[in-house]
Amino acid sequence: MSEEFHRAFGVYGIVGDSDSLVVIRKNGGPYINRYDLPGGSLESGEPLDQAILREIHEETDLTVKAVQQLGITSFRYPWAYQEWRMNQHICVFYAVTDYQGTVAAQVAQFVGQDALGAVRLPLDALTIDNASPLVLKAKEYLQTQQFNPTDTTFANWSVLEKPVW
C-alpha cells in the first residue's frame, strides 16, 4: 500500500561558495523555523528562469544577473498538511553565478511571503537539525561541485517548534 503525497513544486537558488551559503529564515510551510534556500513557487504562467530571479530578490534583496540550472530532484518526508501526511517537494536547483546587492536580514512581508530575511552562513553551521533538505543538497553541491539528482527520503523529518536563529 502506498501513501498519498502532497506535492509541491518550486525553483531554488544556490548563492554561495566552498565556505558559505546564503539562506533564508523560513516562516512557513514544512521548513518553518529552519534555514532554507531562497526560492519558491511559480506565479501563474511564469517561466522557470524568471521565477528564480523574482524569488531570490523577494527573499534576499539580491538582484541576480546570471544563473545556471543544475537539475531537478525531490525530497519526501512526513508532514501533516490538510488531508495529507506525507510531502514530496519537487525542486529545480539553480547556481547563481552573478548577482548584485547585499543580503537583507529583513525583507518585505506580503501575502505568500514565507521568508523573514536572509543571512550568509558557514557551510559547517548548516545541519539536518537546523536546515531544510534543500540547504543540505546545496551544501553538498558547493562542497563537491557536483549536483546529484537522486531523490531523498527523510523518514524522521519533523517541523521545528522554535526558530533555529
Protein backbone atom coordinates (compact mmCIF):
# COMPACT_ATOMS: atom_id res chain seq x y z
CA MET A 1 0.00 0.00 0.00
CA SER A 2 1.40 3.39 -0.96
CA GLU A 3 0.87 6.60 0.95
CA GLU A 4 -0.75 9.62 -0.66
CA PHE A 5 1.64 12.52 -1.02
CA HIS A 6 1.00 16.23 -1.20
CA ARG A 7 3.19 17.62 -3.99
CA ALA A 8 4.91 20.97 -4.01
CA PHE A 9 6.98 22.38 -6.87
CA GLY A 10 9.44 25.25 -6.86
CA VAL A 11 12.68 26.83 -8.07
CA TYR A 12 15.61 27.41 -5.68
CA GLY A 13 18.87 29.33 -5.89
CA ILE A 14 22.29 28.46 -4.55
CA VAL A 15 24.15 31.67 -3.71
CA GLY A 16 27.40 30.51 -2.16
CA ASP A 17 30.90 29.18 -2.42
CA SER A 18 33.06 26.47 -0.83
CA ASP A 19 32.85 28.24 2.54
CA SER A 20 29.36 29.71 2.91
CA LEU A 21 25.77 29.79 1.63
CA VAL A 22 23.01 32.40 1.58
CA VAL A 23 19.95 31.01 3.36
CA ILE A 24 16.60 32.44 4.34
CA ARG A 25 14.92 32.31 7.72
CA LYS A 26 11.76 30.34 6.91
CA ASN A 27 8.45 31.49 8.38
CA GLY A 28 6.01 28.98 6.87
CA GLY A 29 5.47 25.56 5.37
CA PRO A 30 7.24 22.36 6.35
CA TYR A 31 10.61 24.13 6.75
CA ILE A 32 9.28 26.71 9.21
CA ASN A 33 11.85 27.80 11.81
CA ARG A 34 14.70 26.30 9.73
CA TYR A 35 17.15 27.77 7.27
CA ASP A 36 16.04 27.26 3.67
CA LEU A 37 17.18 28.23 0.19
CA PRO A 38 15.77 31.33 -1.43
CA GLY A 39 13.13 30.32 -3.94
CA GLY A 40 9.60 29.08 -4.19
CA SER A 41 6.54 28.58 -6.35
CA LEU A 42 5.90 29.99 -9.77
CA GLU A 43 3.24 32.61 -10.39
CA SER A 44 0.60 31.78 -12.99
CA GLY A 45 2.30 31.27 -16.36
CA GLU A 46 5.69 32.42 -15.06
CA PRO A 47 8.75 30.84 -16.75
CA LEU A 48 11.21 28.99 -14.50
CA ASP A 49 14.09 31.34 -15.33
CA GLN A 50 12.04 34.39 -14.35
CA ALA A 51 10.62 32.82 -11.18
CA ILE A 52 14.08 32.14 -9.75
CA LEU A 53 15.15 35.77 -10.28
CA ARG A 54 11.96 37.10 -8.64
CA GLU A 55 12.04 34.69 -5.70
CA ILE A 56 15.69 35.36 -4.83
CA HIS A 57 15.11 39.11 -4.98
CA GLU A 58 11.96 38.92 -2.80
CA GLU A 59 13.63 36.75 -0.16
CA THR A 60 17.20 38.14 -0.06
CA ASP A 61 17.05 41.57 -1.77
CA LEU A 62 19.83 40.41 -4.14
CA THR A 63 19.49 41.20 -7.84
CA VAL A 64 20.51 38.10 -9.79
CA LYS A 65 22.33 38.74 -13.06
CA ALA A 66 23.06 35.13 -14.14
CA VAL A 67 22.05 31.61 -13.14
CA GLN A 68 22.80 28.10 -14.35
CA GLN A 69 20.17 25.38 -13.97
CA LEU A 70 21.77 22.43 -12.17
CA GLY A 71 18.96 19.89 -12.21
CA ILE A 72 15.81 18.62 -10.58
CA THR A 73 15.25 16.37 -7.60
CA SER A 74 12.64 15.76 -4.93
CA PHE A 75 12.50 15.26 -1.21
CA ARG A 76 9.93 13.08 0.60
CA TYR A 77 9.16 13.42 4.28
CA PRO A 78 6.33 13.30 6.84
CA TRP A 79 4.27 16.49 7.01
CA ALA A 80 0.73 16.87 8.30
CA TYR A 81 -0.90 19.27 5.84
CA GLN A 82 -4.64 19.33 5.23
CA GLU A 83 -5.60 15.71 4.43
CA TRP A 84 -2.03 14.59 3.62
CA ARG A 85 0.54 13.09 5.96
CA MET A 86 3.47 12.99 3.52
CA ASN A 87 5.00 15.62 1.24
CA GLN A 88 7.00 15.33 -1.95
CA HIS A 89 8.83 18.57 -2.70
CA ILE A 90 9.96 18.72 -6.33
CA CYS A 91 12.77 21.25 -6.77
CA VAL A 92 14.59 22.84 -9.70
CA PHE A 93 18.02 23.98 -8.49
CA TYR A 94 19.97 26.91 -9.93
CA ALA A 95 23.52 28.02 -9.21
CA VAL A 96 23.64 31.81 -9.02
CA THR A 97 26.75 32.81 -10.95
CA ASP A 98 26.41 36.61 -10.82
CA TYR A 99 24.45 38.98 -8.61
CA GLN A 100 24.44 42.49 -7.16
CA GLY A 101 23.47 43.82 -3.77
CA THR A 102 23.75 42.94 -0.13
CA VAL A 103 21.92 40.14 1.65
CA ALA A 104 18.98 41.64 3.57
CA ALA A 105 18.43 40.47 7.15
CA GLN A 106 14.80 41.60 6.84
CA VAL A 107 12.64 41.61 3.71
CA ALA A 108 9.22 42.99 2.82
CA GLN A 109 6.31 40.98 4.17
CA PHE A 110 3.26 40.33 1.97
CA VAL A 111 0.67 37.60 1.43
CA GLY A 112 2.56 34.50 0.35
CA GLN A 113 5.93 35.67 1.68
CA ASP A 114 7.43 32.94 3.87
CA ALA A 115 10.90 34.41 4.36
CA LEU A 116 11.77 36.74 7.20
CA GLY A 117 15.09 37.69 5.63
CA ALA A 118 18.40 36.16 4.66
CA VAL A 119 21.85 35.54 6.07
CA ARG A 120 25.12 34.09 4.78
CA LEU A 121 26.27 31.19 6.98
CA PRO A 122 29.36 28.95 7.02
CA LEU A 123 28.63 25.57 5.42
CA ASP A 124 29.67 23.69 8.57
CA ALA A 125 26.95 25.54 10.53
CA LEU A 126 24.18 24.03 8.34
CA THR A 127 22.94 20.63 9.53
CA ILE A 128 19.88 18.36 9.44
CA ASP A 129 18.95 19.85 12.84
CA ASN A 130 18.63 23.43 11.58
CA ALA A 131 18.26 23.38 7.80
CA SER A 132 15.87 22.17 5.12
CA PRO A 133 16.77 19.26 2.83
CA LEU A 134 17.25 21.84 0.07
CA VAL A 135 20.00 23.55 2.05
CA LEU A 136 21.70 20.19 2.63
CA LYS A 137 21.57 19.48 -1.14
CA ALA A 138 23.05 22.94 -1.84
CA LYS A 139 25.80 22.35 0.74
CA GLU A 140 26.65 19.04 -0.95
CA TYR A 141 26.82 20.79 -4.34
CA LEU A 142 29.11 23.55 -3.04
CA GLN A 143 31.43 21.02 -1.40
CA THR A 144 31.65 18.66 -4.39
CA GLN A 145 30.79 20.88 -7.37
CA GLN A 146 28.50 18.01 -8.46
CA PHE A 147 24.70 18.09 -8.48
CA ASN A 148 23.25 14.71 -7.51
CA PRO A 149 19.65 14.43 -8.77
CA THR A 150 18.86 11.36 -6.66
CA ASP A 151 15.59 11.79 -4.77
CA THR A 152 15.92 11.67 -0.99
CA THR A 153 13.60 10.45 1.75
CA PHE A 154 13.82 11.95 5.23
CA ALA A 155 11.83 9.39 7.22
CA ASN A 156 12.40 11.11 10.58
CA TRP A 157 11.77 14.66 9.38
CA SER A 158 9.90 16.95 11.75
CA VAL A 159 8.82 20.57 11.79
CA LEU A 160 10.68 22.61 14.39
CA GLU A 161 8.62 24.29 17.08
CA LYS A 162 11.09 27.13 17.65
CA PRO A 163 13.33 29.05 15.26
CA VAL A 164 16.96 27.96 14.99
CA TRP A 165 18.21 31.57 14.73
